[in-house]
């Protein structure tokens, strides 16, 4: 029986995704999370999850950083990004960072069902209206290189990097992860080498480069 995790901070949208999943599959195990922290904790506790439907802008997530974290820490989980942002360049970046599909929040139930079915069949899925424009949005060398560098990190190294980006000191990171401070220092040495950076500031900038503006928060005239 497939297992799906729906990660979105809007209860009504989670309900729509649950309905689509139940209609697309005869049997399905469903989980829900409303923050990136809860998503990571649930993936840790439920290793059987096959597919994650991930909102790019829920609390704790900042654009593509959450996607990168999940792909680094749980590489066996397929991720479909769900976002109000349908810019083809953003879609291309999400695919380059490991998304198996991309679903605009304006999509109807038919597209939701199609996305779930396709990705569980190990296919990449995009809504028909976006396929041509995304195909003409080439990958940037910088993004491809960044994705490769982040993918080289171990799950624990990525956790350390995320906490560095939040501004935590080594002792605080050690306390948060339940390890010794020298272990954090060893992870940082490896992180700096794999990311091609020289210090904590540059390492934190790497993750912040994945930030995206939230279309839902744009102020219109």
Protein backbone atom coordinates (compact mmCIF):
# COMPACT_ATOMS: atom_id res chain seq x y z
CA UNK A 1 0.00 0.00 0.00
CA UNK A 2 1.50 3.38 -1.00
CA UNK A 3 2.23 5.86 1.78
CA UNK A 4 1.89 9.63 1.20
CA UNK A 5 2.84 12.61 3.32
CA UNK A 6 1.06 15.90 2.63
CA UNK A 7 3.13 18.85 3.88
CA UNK A 8 1.22 22.13 3.71
CA UNK A 9 0.17 24.68 6.32
CA UNK A 10 -3.33 25.21 4.85
CA UNK A 11 -5.83 22.63 6.22
CA UNK A 12 -8.28 23.10 3.33
CA UNK A 13 -5.60 22.46 0.74
CA UNK A 14 -4.39 19.40 2.65
CA UNK A 15 -7.97 18.13 2.58
CA UNK A 16 -8.11 18.57 -1.21
CA UNK A 17 -4.84 16.68 -1.62
CA UNK A 18 -6.10 13.88 0.63
CA UNK A 19 -9.25 13.59 -1.47
CA UNK A 20 -7.21 13.41 -4.67
CA UNK A 21 -4.92 10.75 -3.20
CA UNK A 22 -7.85 8.59 -2.10
CA UNK A 23 -9.48 8.91 -5.52
CA UNK A 24 -6.24 8.11 -7.37
CA UNK A 25 -5.36 5.02 -5.34
CA UNK A 26 -7.44 2.07 -4.18
CA UNK A 27 -5.54 1.97 -0.91
CA UNK A 28 -3.27 4.63 0.54
CA UNK A 29 -1.73 5.47 3.90
CA UNK A 30 -1.86 9.23 4.52
CA UNK A 31 0.12 11.49 6.85
CA UNK A 32 -0.01 15.27 7.27
CA UNK A 33 2.41 17.97 8.42
CA UNK A 34 2.08 21.74 8.62
CA UNK A 35 5.72 22.82 9.01
CA UNK A 36 9.06 21.76 7.59
CA UNK A 37 10.23 20.67 11.05
CA UNK A 38 7.18 18.42 11.43
CA UNK A 39 7.74 17.06 7.92
CA UNK A 40 11.33 16.07 8.65
CA UNK A 41 10.31 14.50 11.98
CA UNK A 42 7.54 12.49 10.36
CA UNK A 43 9.82 11.24 7.58
CA UNK A 44 12.26 10.13 10.28
CA UNK A 45 9.51 8.32 12.20
CA UNK A 46 7.75 6.84 9.14
CA UNK A 47 10.44 5.46 6.80
CA UNK A 48 7.79 3.74 4.69
CA UNK A 49 6.63 7.05 3.14
CA UNK A 50 6.83 6.76 -0.66
CA UNK A 51 5.71 10.20 -1.78
CA UNK A 52 5.81 13.68 -0.26
CA UNK A 53 3.66 16.55 -1.52
CA UNK A 54 5.69 19.56 -0.37
CA UNK A 55 4.57 23.19 -0.10
CA UNK A 56 7.54 25.45 -0.87
CA UNK A 57 6.45 28.20 1.54
CA UNK A 58 5.06 26.55 4.65
CA UNK A 59 6.55 27.60 8.02
CA UNK A 60 10.22 26.68 8.35
CA UNK A 61 10.68 26.26 4.62
CA UNK A 62 12.26 28.94 2.46
CA UNK A 63 11.88 28.21 -1.21
CA UNK A 64 13.98 25.27 -2.35
CA UNK A 65 15.93 24.84 0.89
CA UNK A 66 13.38 22.40 2.33
CA UNK A 67 13.42 20.36 -0.88
CA UNK A 68 17.21 20.20 -0.74
CA UNK A 69 17.10 19.12 2.91
CA UNK A 70 14.61 16.34 2.23
CA UNK A 71 16.47 15.06 -0.82
CA UNK A 72 19.70 14.99 1.21
CA UNK A 73 18.25 13.33 4.29
CA UNK A 74 15.62 11.05 2.72
CA UNK A 75 16.77 10.28 -0.83
CA UNK A 76 14.35 7.36 -1.19
CA UNK A 77 11.26 9.58 -0.88
CA UNK A 78 9.83 11.01 -4.11
CA UNK A 79 8.90 14.69 -3.77
CA UNK A 80 6.25 16.59 -5.69
CA UNK A 81 6.55 20.33 -5.09
CA UNK A 82 3.23 22.10 -4.54
CA UNK A 83 3.35 25.87 -4.95
CA UNK A 84 1.42 28.95 -6.00
CA UNK A 85 4.56 29.92 -7.96
CA UNK A 86 4.25 28.63 -11.53
CA UNK A 87 7.25 30.50 -12.96
CA UNK A 88 8.90 28.02 -15.40
CA UNK A 89 12.34 29.02 -14.11
CA UNK A 90 11.32 28.08 -10.56
CA UNK A 91 9.88 24.79 -11.78
CA UNK A 92 13.14 24.02 -13.59
CA UNK A 93 15.14 24.78 -10.43
CA UNK A 94 12.90 22.47 -8.39
CA UNK A 95 13.45 19.64 -10.87
CA UNK A 96 17.20 20.27 -10.84
CA UNK A 97 17.19 19.99 -7.05
CA UNK A 98 15.53 16.59 -7.12
CA UNK A 99 11.76 17.11 -7.35
CA UNK A 100 9.92 14.32 -9.16
CA UNK A 101 7.07 16.63 -10.10
CA UNK A 102 5.65 20.10 -9.74
CA UNK A 103 2.03 20.97 -9.04
CA UNK A 104 0.65 24.54 -9.07
CA UNK A 105 -1.89 25.21 -6.33
CA UNK A 106 -4.32 26.26 -9.04
CA UNK A 107 -4.41 22.67 -10.35
CA UNK A 108 -7.69 20.80 -10.35
CA UNK A 109 -8.38 17.38 -8.82
CA UNK A 110 -7.74 15.64 -12.15
CA UNK A 111 -4.20 17.02 -12.25
CA UNK A 112 -3.66 16.15 -8.60
CA UNK A 113 -4.66 12.56 -9.29
CA UNK A 114 -2.50 12.43 -12.41
CA UNK A 115 0.54 13.74 -10.55
CA UNK A 116 0.21 11.24 -7.72
CA UNK A 117 -0.31 8.31 -10.08
CA UNK A 118 2.61 9.27 -12.36
CA UNK A 119 5.17 9.88 -9.63
CA UNK A 120 4.29 6.66 -7.80
CA UNK A 121 4.96 4.94 -11.13
CA UNK A 122 8.49 6.48 -11.03
CA UNK A 123 7.70 9.07 -13.71
CA UNK A 124 8.38 12.80 -13.66
CA UNK A 125 5.19 14.84 -13.82
CA UNK A 126 4.38 18.41 -14.82
CA UNK A 127 0.95 19.87 -15.65
CA UNK A 128 0.39 20.00 -19.42
CA UNK A 129 0.11 23.80 -19.38
CA UNK A 130 3.68 24.13 -18.05
CA UNK A 131 5.53 21.43 -19.98
CA UNK A 132 6.50 23.50 -23.02
CA UNK A 133 7.62 26.55 -21.04
CA UNK A 134 9.64 24.46 -18.58
CA UNK A 135 11.29 22.62 -21.46
CA UNK A 136 12.48 26.01 -22.76
CA UNK A 137 13.76 27.08 -19.32
CA UNK A 138 17.28 25.68 -19.33
CA UNK A 139 19.09 24.62 -16.22
CA UNK A 140 21.70 27.11 -15.03
CA UNK A 141 25.20 25.78 -14.45
CA UNK A 142 25.22 27.39 -11.01
CA UNK A 143 22.06 25.58 -9.92
CA UNK A 144 23.23 22.25 -11.27
CA UNK A 145 26.55 22.63 -9.47
CA UNK A 146 24.85 23.67 -6.23
CA UNK A 147 22.47 20.69 -6.39
CA UNK A 148 25.42 18.33 -6.89
CA UNK A 149 27.35 19.83 -3.97
CA UNK A 150 24.37 19.62 -1.62
CA UNK A 151 23.68 16.04 -2.71
CA UNK A 152 27.23 15.12 -1.66
CA UNK A 153 26.45 15.93 1.98
CA UNK A 154 25.37 13.22 4.41
CA UNK A 155 22.02 13.68 6.19
CA UNK A 156 23.78 14.74 9.40
CA UNK A 157 26.03 17.16 7.53
CA UNK A 158 22.98 18.75 5.95
CA UNK A 159 21.38 19.15 9.39
CA UNK A 160 24.52 20.90 10.59
CA UNK A 161 24.53 23.15 7.52
CA UNK A 162 20.87 24.08 8.09
CA UNK A 163 21.59 25.06 11.69
CA UNK A 164 24.63 27.09 10.60
CA UNK A 165 22.37 28.95 8.17
CA UNK A 166 20.05 29.71 11.10
CA UNK A 167 22.98 31.35 12.90
CA UNK A 168 23.58 28.74 15.61
CA UNK A 169 27.03 28.36 17.15
CA UNK A 170 28.87 25.04 17.33
CA UNK A 171 27.87 24.38 20.95
CA UNK A 172 24.23 25.17 20.18
CA UNK A 173 24.31 22.84 17.18
CA UNK A 174 25.87 20.09 19.30
CA UNK A 175 23.15 20.49 21.94
CA UNK A 176 20.40 20.49 19.29
CA UNK A 177 21.71 17.31 17.63
CA UNK A 178 22.79 15.54 20.81
CA UNK A 179 26.43 15.18 19.75
CA UNK A 180 29.76 16.47 20.99
CA UNK A 181 31.08 19.82 19.83
CA UNK A 182 34.13 18.23 18.21
CA UNK A 183 31.75 16.16 16.08
CA UNK A 184 30.14 19.35 14.83
CA UNK A 185 33.57 20.78 14.01
CA UNK A 186 34.43 17.63 12.05
CA UNK A 187 31.17 17.91 10.10
CA UNK A 188 31.90 21.57 9.34
CA UNK A 189 35.32 20.72 7.97
CA UNK A 190 33.74 18.18 5.61
CA UNK A 191 30.94 20.61 4.68
CA UNK A 192 33.36 23.39 3.81
CA UNK A 193 35.36 21.03 1.61
CA UNK A 194 32.34 19.59 -0.22
CA UNK A 195 30.69 22.95 -0.79
CA UNK A 196 33.91 24.67 -1.79
CA UNK A 197 33.60 27.37 0.88
CA UNK A 198 36.01 28.65 3.51
CA UNK A 199 33.89 29.61 6.50
CA UNK A 200 30.48 29.45 8.21
CA UNK A 201 29.24 32.64 6.58
CA UNK A 202 29.85 31.32 3.07
CA UNK A 203 28.30 27.97 3.99
CA UNK A 204 25.13 29.68 5.23
CA UNK A 205 24.91 31.71 2.03
CA UNK A 206 24.77 28.48 0.01
CA UNK A 207 21.42 27.55 1.56
CA UNK A 208 20.07 31.09 1.39
CA UNK A 209 20.65 31.04 -2.36
CA UNK A 210 17.74 28.59 -2.50
CA UNK A 211 15.25 31.11 -1.07
CA UNK A 212 12.31 32.10 -3.26
CA UNK A 213 9.71 34.85 -2.89
CA UNK A 214 6.29 33.62 -1.79
CA UNK A 215 3.69 34.67 -4.40
CA UNK A 216 0.98 34.55 -1.74
CA UNK A 217 2.72 37.38 0.13
CA UNK A 218 3.18 39.72 -2.80
CA UNK A 219 1.56 43.09 -2.34
CA UNK A 220 -0.50 44.20 -5.30
CA UNK A 221 -1.36 47.77 -6.17
